[in-house]
Structures are given as C-alpha cells and as structure tokens.
N, C-alpha and C. Protein backbone atom coordinates (compact mmCIF):
# COMPACT_ATOMS: atom_id res chain seq x y z
N UNK A 1 -13.84 -32.61 13.71
CA UNK A 1 -14.27 -31.95 12.83
C UNK A 1 -15.03 -32.70 11.57
N UNK A 2 -16.16 -32.70 11.50
CA UNK A 2 -16.89 -33.22 10.57
C UNK A 2 -17.10 -32.76 9.05
N UNK A 3 -16.34 -33.09 8.01
CA UNK A 3 -16.28 -32.44 6.94
C UNK A 3 -16.38 -33.57 5.72
N UNK A 4 -16.64 -33.29 4.64
CA UNK A 4 -16.27 -34.33 3.39
C UNK A 4 -16.09 -33.28 2.30
N UNK A 5 -15.58 -33.79 1.06
CA UNK A 5 -15.14 -33.23 -0.04
C UNK A 5 -16.38 -32.34 -0.55
N UNK A 6 -17.57 -33.09 -0.33
CA UNK A 6 -18.56 -32.32 -0.90
C UNK A 6 -18.99 -31.45 -0.19
N UNK A 7 -19.08 -30.99 1.08
CA UNK A 7 -18.97 -30.08 1.94
C UNK A 7 -18.23 -28.80 1.30
N UNK A 8 -16.63 -29.19 1.04
CA UNK A 8 -15.80 -28.10 0.48
C UNK A 8 -16.45 -27.60 -0.84
N UNK A 9 -16.79 -28.53 -1.70
CA UNK A 9 -17.43 -28.33 -3.15
C UNK A 9 -18.81 -27.05 -2.90
N UNK A 10 -19.32 -27.72 -1.54
CA UNK A 10 -21.19 -27.18 -1.68
C UNK A 10 -20.40 -25.73 -1.20
N UNK A 11 -19.43 -25.72 0.12
CA UNK A 11 -19.18 -24.03 0.50
C UNK A 11 -18.26 -23.32 -0.80
N UNK A 12 -17.72 -23.93 -1.63
CA UNK A 12 -16.56 -22.96 -2.38
C UNK A 12 -17.83 -22.56 -3.57
N UNK A 13 -18.83 -23.37 -3.72
CA UNK A 13 -19.53 -22.84 -4.55
C UNK A 13 -20.88 -21.40 -4.21
N UNK A 14 -21.11 -22.08 -3.14
CA UNK A 14 -21.72 -20.74 -2.33
C UNK A 14 -20.84 -19.56 -1.87
N UNK A 15 -19.82 -19.92 -1.46
CA UNK A 15 -18.83 -18.22 -1.80
C UNK A 15 -18.83 -18.14 -2.95
N UNK A 16 -17.93 -18.66 -4.11
CA UNK A 16 -18.01 -18.06 -5.39
C UNK A 16 -19.49 -17.28 -5.89
N UNK A 17 -20.68 -17.83 -5.87
CA UNK A 17 -21.96 -17.12 -5.92
C UNK A 17 -22.05 -15.87 -5.19
N UNK A 18 -21.60 -15.75 -3.77
CA UNK A 18 -21.54 -14.47 -3.31
C UNK A 18 -20.58 -13.27 -3.33
N UNK A 19 -19.28 -14.10 -3.84
CA UNK A 19 -18.44 -13.27 -4.32
C UNK A 19 -19.21 -12.35 -5.93
N UNK A 20 -19.61 -13.15 -6.42
CA UNK A 20 -20.28 -12.78 -7.72
C UNK A 20 -21.64 -11.63 -7.38
N UNK A 21 -22.07 -11.67 -6.55
CA UNK A 21 -23.34 -10.70 -6.08
C UNK A 21 -23.19 -9.56 -5.06
N UNK A 22 -22.52 -10.09 -4.18
CA UNK A 22 -22.54 -9.05 -3.12
C UNK A 22 -21.81 -7.96 -2.96
N UNK A 23 -22.31 -7.00 -2.66
CA UNK A 23 -21.35 -5.59 -2.55
C UNK A 23 -20.84 -4.83 -1.38
N UNK A 24 -21.86 -5.40 -0.47
CA UNK A 24 -21.52 -4.97 1.03
C UNK A 24 -20.19 -5.61 1.66
N UNK A 25 -19.14 -5.37 2.04
CA UNK A 25 -18.13 -5.82 2.29
C UNK A 25 -18.43 -6.75 3.58
N UNK A 26 -18.84 -6.14 4.63
CA UNK A 26 -19.02 -6.79 5.75
C UNK A 26 -20.16 -7.70 5.52
N UNK A 27 -21.29 -7.97 4.78
CA UNK A 27 -22.11 -9.16 4.27
C UNK A 27 -21.27 -10.38 3.87
N UNK A 28 -20.43 -9.51 2.58
CA UNK A 28 -19.45 -10.61 2.04
C UNK A 28 -18.53 -11.44 2.85
N UNK A 29 -17.63 -10.97 3.71
CA UNK A 29 -16.66 -11.02 4.97
C UNK A 29 -17.44 -12.22 5.59
N UNK A 30 -18.29 -11.66 6.09
CA UNK A 30 -18.79 -12.64 7.05
C UNK A 30 -19.58 -13.79 6.54
N UNK A 31 -19.97 -13.91 5.13
CA UNK A 31 -20.52 -14.93 4.53
C UNK A 31 -19.30 -16.02 4.08
N UNK A 32 -18.07 -15.35 4.21
CA UNK A 32 -17.00 -16.06 4.06
C UNK A 32 -16.49 -16.80 5.17
N UNK A 33 -16.57 -16.43 6.09
CA UNK A 33 -15.97 -16.78 7.43
C UNK A 33 -17.47 -18.03 8.27
N UNK A 34 -18.41 -17.41 7.99
CA UNK A 34 -19.29 -18.82 8.55
C UNK A 34 -19.67 -19.79 7.32
N UNK A 35 -18.82 -19.66 5.95
CA UNK A 35 -19.16 -20.75 5.53
C UNK A 35 -18.05 -21.98 5.52
N UNK A 36 -16.86 -21.16 5.93
CA UNK A 36 -15.70 -22.17 6.06
C UNK A 36 -15.75 -22.85 7.58
N UNK A 37 -16.06 -22.05 8.72
CA UNK A 37 -16.57 -22.82 9.98
C UNK A 37 -17.50 -23.69 9.95
N UNK A 38 -18.65 -23.45 8.98
CA UNK A 38 -19.32 -24.72 8.53
C UNK A 38 -18.92 -25.75 7.89
N UNK A 39 -18.40 -25.57 6.74
CA UNK A 39 -17.88 -26.60 5.65
C UNK A 39 -16.72 -27.33 6.67
N UNK A 40 -15.74 -26.88 7.64
CA UNK A 40 -14.84 -27.63 8.33
C UNK A 40 -15.50 -28.14 9.29
N UNK A 41 -16.56 -27.53 9.85
CA UNK A 41 -17.08 -27.98 11.24
C UNK A 41 -16.30 -27.61 12.70
N UNK A 42 -15.89 -26.45 12.32
CA UNK A 42 -15.12 -25.88 13.16
C UNK A 42 -16.00 -25.01 14.28
N UNK A 43 -15.49 -24.62 15.28
CA UNK A 43 -16.46 -23.68 16.02
C UNK A 43 -16.38 -22.09 15.58
N UNK A 44 -15.50 -21.95 15.16
CA UNK A 44 -15.33 -20.62 14.59
C UNK A 44 -13.89 -20.55 13.43
N UNK A 45 -14.29 -18.84 12.75
CA UNK A 45 -13.55 -18.66 12.08
C UNK A 45 -13.55 -17.24 11.75
N UNK A 46 -12.23 -16.42 11.91
CA UNK A 46 -11.93 -15.26 11.68
C UNK A 46 -11.18 -14.51 10.66
N UNK A 47 -11.46 -13.44 10.03
CA UNK A 47 -10.94 -12.89 9.39
C UNK A 47 -10.18 -11.57 9.39
N UNK A 48 -8.67 -11.51 9.75
CA UNK A 48 -7.75 -10.27 10.51
C UNK A 48 -7.04 -9.68 8.59
N UNK A 49 -7.13 -8.50 8.75
CA UNK A 49 -6.42 -7.68 7.89
C UNK A 49 -5.14 -7.04 8.66
N UNK A 50 -4.43 -6.83 7.92
CA UNK A 50 -3.11 -6.30 8.35
C UNK A 50 -3.37 -4.84 8.24
N UNK A 51 -2.39 -3.90 9.34
CA UNK A 51 -2.72 -2.55 9.39
C UNK A 51 -1.60 -2.15 8.25
N UNK A 52 -1.70 -0.94 8.05
CA UNK A 52 -0.72 -0.38 6.85
C UNK A 52 0.90 -0.85 7.17
N UNK A 53 1.07 -0.32 8.80
CA UNK A 53 2.48 -0.46 9.01
C UNK A 53 2.63 -2.00 9.32
N UNK A 54 2.30 -2.97 9.07
CA UNK A 54 1.93 -4.42 8.98
C UNK A 54 2.52 -4.69 10.47
N UNK A 55 2.23 -4.44 11.22
CA UNK A 55 2.98 -4.64 12.37
C UNK A 55 1.78 -5.41 13.56
N UNK A 56 0.47 -4.92 12.98
CA UNK A 56 -0.89 -5.65 13.96
C UNK A 56 -2.18 -6.28 13.10
N UNK A 57 -2.41 -7.00 13.43
CA UNK A 57 -3.72 -7.66 12.69
C UNK A 57 -5.23 -6.96 13.20
N UNK A 58 -6.12 -6.56 12.57
CA UNK A 58 -7.09 -6.32 12.99
C UNK A 58 -8.29 -7.25 12.81
N UNK A 59 -8.94 -7.77 13.85
CA UNK A 59 -10.25 -8.86 14.05
C UNK A 59 -10.96 -8.18 12.78
N UNK A 60 -11.49 -8.10 11.61
CA UNK A 60 -12.62 -7.76 10.59
C UNK A 60 -13.95 -8.27 10.76
N UNK A 61 -13.78 -9.80 10.40
CA UNK A 61 -15.09 -10.17 10.68
C UNK A 61 -14.60 -11.37 11.37
N UNK A 62 -15.85 -11.94 12.29
CA UNK A 62 -16.10 -13.15 12.44
C UNK A 62 -17.06 -13.84 12.73
N UNK A 63 -16.80 -15.50 12.58
CA UNK A 63 -17.97 -16.19 13.30
C UNK A 63 -17.91 -16.89 14.12
N UNK A 64 -18.79 -17.40 15.07
CA UNK A 64 -18.55 -18.53 16.11
C UNK A 64 -17.28 -17.79 17.41
N UNK A 65 -17.06 -16.56 17.36
CA UNK A 65 -16.29 -16.22 18.59
C UNK A 65 -16.92 -15.19 19.58
N UNK A 66 -16.93 -15.06 20.60
CA UNK A 66 -17.75 -13.84 21.38
C UNK A 66 -16.70 -12.15 21.51
N UNK A 67 -17.64 -11.66 21.83
CA UNK A 67 -17.21 -9.76 21.72
C UNK A 67 -15.73 -9.93 22.13
N UNK A 68 -15.88 -10.75 23.77
CA UNK A 68 -14.52 -10.92 24.55
C UNK A 68 -13.56 -11.15 24.12
N UNK A 69 -13.94 -12.28 23.46
CA UNK A 69 -13.00 -12.49 22.83
C UNK A 69 -11.88 -11.62 21.57
N UNK A 70 -12.66 -11.19 21.10
CA UNK A 70 -12.32 -10.38 20.14
C UNK A 70 -11.82 -9.40 20.37
N UNK A 71 -12.11 -8.87 21.67
CA UNK A 71 -11.63 -7.37 22.56
C UNK A 71 -10.04 -7.62 23.29
N UNK A 72 -9.98 -8.95 23.10
CA UNK A 72 -8.79 -9.20 24.05
C UNK A 72 -7.19 -8.35 23.88
N UNK A 73 -7.51 -7.88 23.07
CA UNK A 73 -6.26 -7.32 22.45
C UNK A 73 -5.74 -7.36 20.98
N UNK A 74 -4.73 -6.23 20.53
CA UNK A 74 -4.32 -6.43 18.94
C UNK A 74 -3.42 -7.46 19.21
N UNK A 75 -3.86 -8.18 17.97
CA UNK A 75 -2.73 -9.07 17.65
C UNK A 75 -2.01 -8.67 16.68
N UNK A 76 -0.72 -8.73 18.04
CA UNK A 76 1.15 -8.17 17.04
C UNK A 76 1.53 -9.16 16.52
N UNK A 77 2.26 -9.11 15.79
CA UNK A 77 3.41 -10.05 14.91
C UNK A 77 4.06 -10.68 15.91
N UNK A 78 3.53 -12.14 15.94
CA UNK A 78 4.06 -13.39 16.91
C UNK A 78 4.95 -14.02 16.04
N UNK A 79 5.09 -15.19 16.52
CA UNK A 79 5.96 -16.45 15.67
C UNK A 79 4.95 -16.77 15.09
N UNK A 80 3.87 -17.41 15.56
CA UNK A 80 2.57 -17.71 14.33
C UNK A 80 2.43 -16.89 13.45
N UNK A 81 1.92 -15.33 13.66
CA UNK A 81 1.56 -14.32 12.87
C UNK A 81 2.74 -13.99 11.68
N UNK A 82 3.91 -14.11 12.22
CA UNK A 82 5.26 -13.72 11.81
C UNK A 82 5.70 -14.91 10.65
N UNK A 83 5.34 -16.08 10.71
CA UNK A 83 5.26 -17.20 9.57
C UNK A 83 4.19 -17.00 8.65
N UNK A 84 2.82 -16.79 9.27
CA UNK A 84 1.82 -16.11 8.45
C UNK A 84 1.85 -15.18 7.37
N UNK A 85 2.20 -14.51 7.96
CA UNK A 85 2.93 -13.03 7.26
C UNK A 85 3.97 -13.52 6.32
N UNK A 86 4.66 -14.07 6.37
CA UNK A 86 5.82 -14.52 5.38
C UNK A 86 5.36 -15.70 4.41
N UNK A 87 4.26 -15.82 4.25
CA UNK A 87 3.19 -16.63 3.61
C UNK A 87 3.12 -17.97 3.54
N UNK A 88 3.42 -18.02 5.01
CA UNK A 88 3.16 -20.04 5.73
C UNK A 88 1.65 -20.14 6.31
N UNK A 89 1.47 -21.39 6.04
CA UNK A 89 0.09 -21.57 6.57
C UNK A 89 0.61 -22.53 8.17
N UNK A 90 0.13 -22.06 8.99
CA UNK A 90 0.35 -23.01 10.48
C UNK A 90 -0.93 -23.29 11.12
N UNK A 91 -0.56 -24.39 11.30
CA UNK A 91 -1.62 -25.28 12.40
C UNK A 91 -0.77 -25.23 13.72
N UNK A 92 -1.78 -25.10 14.78
CA UNK A 92 -1.44 -25.32 16.03
C UNK A 92 -2.38 -26.14 16.69
N UNK A 93 -1.62 -27.14 17.15
CA UNK A 93 -2.82 -28.48 17.95
C UNK A 93 -3.04 -27.88 19.19
N UNK A 94 -2.53 -27.20 20.19
CA UNK A 94 -2.79 -27.10 21.53
C UNK A 94 -2.36 -25.33 21.55
N UNK A 95 -3.47 -24.67 21.09
CA UNK A 95 -3.54 -23.33 21.58
C UNK A 95 -3.35 -22.86 22.88
N UNK A 96 -3.93 -23.41 24.05
CA UNK A 96 -3.77 -23.25 25.22
C UNK A 96 -2.32 -23.51 25.82
N UNK A 97 -1.32 -24.11 25.00
CA UNK A 97 -0.05 -24.23 25.43
C UNK A 97 1.32 -24.04 24.33
N UNK A 98 0.57 -23.95 23.40
CA UNK A 98 1.54 -23.63 22.30
C UNK A 98 2.35 -22.26 22.23
N UNK A 99 3.78 -21.88 22.73
CA UNK A 99 4.21 -20.72 22.90
C UNK A 99 4.06 -19.60 21.78
N UNK A 100 3.62 -20.24 20.75
CA UNK A 100 3.60 -19.40 19.21
C UNK A 100 2.25 -18.41 19.79
N UNK A 101 1.46 -18.92 20.15
CA UNK A 101 -0.13 -18.68 20.55
C UNK A 101 0.01 -17.14 21.83
N UNK A 102 -0.38 -15.97 21.31
CA UNK A 102 -0.33 -14.53 22.03
C UNK A 102 -1.20 -14.66 23.19
N UNK A 103 -2.37 -15.39 22.96
CA UNK A 103 -3.50 -15.15 23.96
C UNK A 103 -3.94 -16.41 24.41
N UNK A 104 -2.75 -17.18 25.00
CA UNK A 104 -3.03 -19.03 25.18
C UNK A 104 -4.23 -18.84 26.28
N UNK A 105 -4.32 -18.23 27.50
CA UNK A 105 -5.19 -18.34 28.48
C UNK A 105 -6.59 -17.84 28.00
N UNK A 106 -6.51 -16.94 26.97
CA UNK A 106 -7.70 -16.44 26.66
C UNK A 106 -8.43 -17.51 25.52
N UNK A 107 -7.40 -18.20 25.05
CA UNK A 107 -8.02 -19.11 24.14
C UNK A 107 -8.60 -20.17 24.41
N UNK A 108 -8.01 -20.21 25.87
CA UNK A 108 -8.43 -21.44 26.98
C UNK A 108 -10.18 -21.21 27.13
N UNK A 109 -10.38 -19.94 27.65
CA UNK A 109 -11.45 -19.54 28.43
C UNK A 109 -12.45 -19.66 27.22
N UNK A 110 -12.11 -18.71 26.13
CA UNK A 110 -13.03 -18.94 24.74
C UNK A 110 -13.29 -20.84 24.15
N UNK A 111 -12.48 -21.47 24.93
CA UNK A 111 -12.86 -22.89 24.10
C UNK A 111 -12.30 -22.96 23.09
N UNK A 112 -11.30 -22.57 22.86
CA UNK A 112 -10.46 -22.76 21.35
C UNK A 112 -9.42 -23.80 21.59
N UNK A 113 -9.46 -25.07 20.89
CA UNK A 113 -8.16 -25.96 21.23
C UNK A 113 -7.16 -25.68 20.02
N UNK A 114 -7.58 -25.82 18.97
CA UNK A 114 -6.58 -25.71 17.81
C UNK A 114 -6.76 -24.37 16.90
N UNK A 115 -5.89 -24.23 16.34
CA UNK A 115 -6.06 -22.95 15.35
C UNK A 115 -5.10 -22.88 14.10
N UNK A 116 -6.01 -22.91 12.68
CA UNK A 116 -5.37 -22.98 11.31
C UNK A 116 -5.24 -21.42 11.04
N UNK A 117 -3.87 -21.23 10.96
CA UNK A 117 -3.88 -19.51 10.16
C UNK A 117 -3.57 -19.73 9.08
N UNK A 118 -3.93 -19.04 8.18
CA UNK A 118 -3.92 -19.28 6.38
C UNK A 118 -3.51 -17.87 6.10
N UNK A 119 -2.54 -17.35 4.99
CA UNK A 119 -2.16 -16.07 4.68
C UNK A 119 -3.25 -15.58 3.71
N UNK A 120 -3.83 -14.52 3.93
CA UNK A 120 -4.44 -14.04 2.56
C UNK A 120 -3.47 -13.15 1.61
N UNK A 121 -3.55 -13.67 0.49
CA UNK A 121 -2.29 -12.84 -0.58
C UNK A 121 -3.22 -12.11 -1.81
N UNK A 122 -2.50 -11.15 -1.97
CA UNK A 122 -3.17 -10.61 -3.08
C UNK A 122 -1.62 -9.98 -3.60
N UNK A 123 -1.82 -10.50 -5.39
CA UNK A 123 -0.47 -9.92 -6.03
C UNK A 123 0.70 -10.31 -5.09
N UNK A 124 1.16 -11.46 -4.52
CA UNK A 124 2.27 -12.17 -3.41
C UNK A 124 2.49 -11.29 -2.51
N UNK A 125 1.47 -10.43 -2.14
CA UNK A 125 1.77 -9.77 -0.76
C UNK A 125 0.57 -10.12 0.06
N UNK A 126 0.99 -10.70 1.28
CA UNK A 126 -0.10 -10.85 2.53
C UNK A 126 -0.55 -9.55 2.81
N UNK A 127 -2.31 -9.55 2.91
CA UNK A 127 -3.07 -8.37 3.54
C UNK A 127 -3.39 -9.21 4.38
N UNK A 128 -3.95 -10.08 5.45
CA UNK A 128 -4.57 -10.56 5.87
C UNK A 128 -4.12 -12.05 6.18
N UNK A 129 -5.21 -12.30 7.75
CA UNK A 129 -5.20 -13.84 7.72
C UNK A 129 -6.63 -14.45 7.97
N UNK A 130 -6.66 -15.59 7.49
CA UNK A 130 -7.98 -16.36 7.63
C UNK A 130 -7.63 -17.52 8.58
N UNK A 131 -8.18 -17.26 9.59
CA UNK A 131 -8.35 -18.31 10.98
C UNK A 131 -9.10 -19.13 11.16
N UNK A 132 -8.92 -20.46 11.62
CA UNK A 132 -10.16 -21.53 11.77
C UNK A 132 -9.97 -21.82 13.02
N UNK A 133 -10.79 -21.79 13.98
CA UNK A 133 -10.62 -22.56 15.31
C UNK A 133 -11.42 -23.63 15.78
N UNK A 134 -10.79 -24.42 16.63
CA UNK A 134 -11.45 -25.70 16.79
C UNK A 134 -11.93 -25.67 18.47
N UNK A 135 -12.91 -26.66 18.74
CA UNK A 135 -13.03 -26.55 20.23
C UNK A 135 -12.36 -27.71 20.86
N UNK A 136 -12.01 -28.73 20.06
CA UNK A 136 -11.04 -30.11 20.77
C UNK A 136 -10.00 -29.94 19.48
N UNK A 137 -8.71 -30.55 20.15
CA UNK A 137 -7.65 -30.67 19.37
C UNK A 137 -7.93 -31.28 18.28
N UNK A 138 -7.22 -30.75 16.97
CA UNK A 138 -7.43 -31.30 15.95
C UNK A 138 -6.37 -31.06 15.43
N UNK A 139 -6.02 -32.24 14.22
CA UNK A 139 -4.83 -32.23 13.13
C UNK A 139 -5.54 -31.63 11.88
N UNK A 140 -5.25 -30.58 11.47
CA UNK A 140 -5.54 -30.41 10.18
C UNK A 140 -5.11 -31.35 9.42
N UNK A 141 -6.12 -31.53 8.16
CA UNK A 141 -5.58 -32.50 7.12
C UNK A 141 -5.18 -31.76 5.82
N UNK A 142 -4.34 -32.39 4.62
CA UNK A 142 -4.40 -31.49 4.05
C UNK A 142 -5.25 -31.18 3.19
N UNK A 143 -6.50 -31.88 2.76
CA UNK A 143 -7.82 -31.27 2.35
C UNK A 143 -8.05 -29.90 3.16
N UNK A 144 -8.18 -29.79 4.68
CA UNK A 144 -8.37 -28.67 5.29
C UNK A 144 -7.75 -27.55 4.88
N UNK A 145 -6.89 -27.86 5.22
CA UNK A 145 -5.47 -26.58 4.70
C UNK A 145 -5.53 -26.23 2.83
N UNK A 146 -5.79 -27.26 2.13
CA UNK A 146 -5.87 -26.45 0.68
C UNK A 146 -7.76 -25.80 0.21
N UNK A 147 -8.53 -26.07 1.29
CA UNK A 147 -9.72 -25.76 0.99
C UNK A 147 -9.37 -24.44 1.89
N UNK A 148 -8.86 -24.04 2.86
CA UNK A 148 -9.08 -23.08 3.73
C UNK A 148 -7.79 -21.86 2.82
N UNK A 149 -6.91 -22.33 2.02
CA UNK A 149 -6.04 -21.61 1.87
C UNK A 149 -6.76 -21.30 0.45
N UNK A 150 -7.55 -21.94 -0.29
CA UNK A 150 -8.25 -21.59 -1.94
C UNK A 150 -9.18 -20.26 -1.23
N UNK A 151 -9.83 -20.21 0.05
CA UNK A 151 -11.08 -19.57 0.19
C UNK A 151 -10.08 -18.29 0.86
N UNK A 152 -9.28 -18.52 1.65
CA UNK A 152 -8.10 -17.11 1.97
C UNK A 152 -7.93 -16.64 0.71
N UNK A 153 -7.49 -16.89 -0.36
CA UNK A 153 -7.17 -16.38 -1.72
C UNK A 153 -8.53 -15.65 -2.40
N UNK A 154 -9.33 -16.33 -2.40
CA UNK A 154 -10.79 -16.21 -2.96
C UNK A 154 -10.96 -14.74 -2.10
N UNK A 155 -10.86 -14.71 -0.83
CA UNK A 155 -11.34 -13.71 0.04
C UNK A 155 -10.49 -12.57 -0.17
N UNK A 156 -9.27 -12.51 -0.37
CA UNK A 156 -8.52 -11.71 -0.71
C UNK A 156 -8.63 -10.96 -2.44
N UNK A 157 -9.00 -11.69 -3.06
CA UNK A 157 -9.39 -10.90 -4.23
C UNK A 157 -10.68 -10.45 -4.64
N UNK A 158 -11.50 -11.10 -3.26
CA UNK A 158 -13.09 -10.03 -3.39
C UNK A 158 -12.57 -8.83 -2.56
N UNK A 159 -12.07 -9.03 -1.58
CA UNK A 159 -11.38 -7.47 -0.93
C UNK A 159 -11.44 -6.48 -2.39
N UNK A 160 -10.31 -7.00 -3.09
CA UNK A 160 -9.70 -6.05 -3.79
C UNK A 160 -10.81 -5.54 -5.19
N UNK A 161 -11.21 -6.47 -5.63
CA UNK A 161 -12.57 -6.15 -6.31
C UNK A 161 -13.69 -5.18 -5.55
N UNK A 162 -13.95 -5.62 -4.64
CA UNK A 162 -15.12 -4.18 -3.87
C UNK A 162 -13.96 -2.80 -4.00
N UNK A 163 -13.00 -3.15 -3.36
CA UNK A 163 -12.28 -1.78 -3.75
C UNK A 163 -12.56 -0.81 -4.93
N UNK A 164 -11.92 -1.71 -5.68
CA UNK A 164 -12.23 -1.27 -7.07
C UNK A 164 -13.75 -0.92 -7.91
N UNK A 165 -14.36 -1.81 -6.93
CA UNK A 165 -15.97 -1.43 -7.55
C UNK A 165 -16.20 -0.03 -6.98
N UNK A 166 -15.94 0.06 -5.75
CA UNK A 166 -15.95 1.21 -5.10
C UNK A 166 -15.37 2.65 -5.81
N UNK A 167 -14.28 2.36 -5.91
CA UNK A 167 -13.42 3.58 -6.84
C UNK A 167 -14.45 3.64 -8.11
N UNK A 168 -14.78 3.13 -8.96
CA UNK A 168 -15.70 2.85 -9.98
C UNK A 168 -16.61 4.00 -9.88
N UNK A 169 -17.55 3.81 -8.97
CA UNK A 169 -18.92 4.20 -8.68
C UNK A 169 -18.69 5.83 -8.21
N UNK A 170 -17.57 6.16 -7.49
CA UNK A 170 -17.20 6.97 -7.09
C UNK A 170 -16.80 8.08 -8.58
N UNK A 171 -16.56 7.55 -9.22
CA UNK A 171 -15.90 8.43 -10.44
C UNK A 171 -17.16 8.50 -11.32
C-alpha cells in the first residue's frame, strides 16, 4: 500500500468538504469508503452498520468489493467483530487463515489478504465498522490506523447529522 501523510491530509480535506455539503446518505458514505481506499492504497473499503439487536453488521456501502462478496452472508458477531464492537481496532494480517475471520474462503476468492476493522463510535457507542481490505499481506502502521479511526469517527458524526437533518426537514 502506497500512501503518504499528504494523501491522508488530502483525503481528510475532501471528506470534510463532502460532509459539509452532501445530503444524500449513500453518496456521502460512498465518498468516505472510496476516499479511504484510495488514500491508503487499499484494494477496498466497506462500511457496515450494526443492527438494532447488535448481533449482525450489515454491509451498508462498499468500494472495491464484488457484489458476490458483499452477498456472502451476514457478518455475525465473531471474535474480530466482538473486539471491534468493544471499541478496539483490529488488524488481521492474513484473512485467509486467521481464525477470527468468519468468511476466510470467500476472502481468499475475493483476493483479500489483510483487513483492518475500525469501530465507528457515536457518543461512546459503537454503531458500525469501517473496514479496509488489502490485496497483499500488509501490516497496518500507526499512521494507517490513526487515519482510518479518524475517518470512522467522522463517518459516525456524519450519519448522525444526516438523521438530524432529515428530522428537521420533516418538521
């Protein structure tokens, strides 16, 4: 993965500009996952939101993943997911062999090597997960993790702002 601090700052600038102007939730979320994938040089990025029962994560939007992979099945709370839902960022070096990954064979078929899973927090509660996928095994750096955590937090705030905006528009 090729990236620089400049890529991260440029991406952060682009995302905050979009957050300030975009009112379409899908377009906003797609811009976030696309920007993260491009800034990190990753194969793909996805955003998953937690169901109200907090048992399953639903792929809400993705960049760089096939429809087949996105339809592979529900992402139920597993070891990786439970750690992330507990507020921890989890990096998996080899998604095809790591027991914490629920769909290892599908990850292999999709060409996914490493995964970074970052909690999306809103007022102290995890509402979803932002995931970065690489095509080659990759040890995520502190800078990578910090950047994705920052974007995950901005994404959570953006979702809340869109919900509030919708409520105001309906009144």
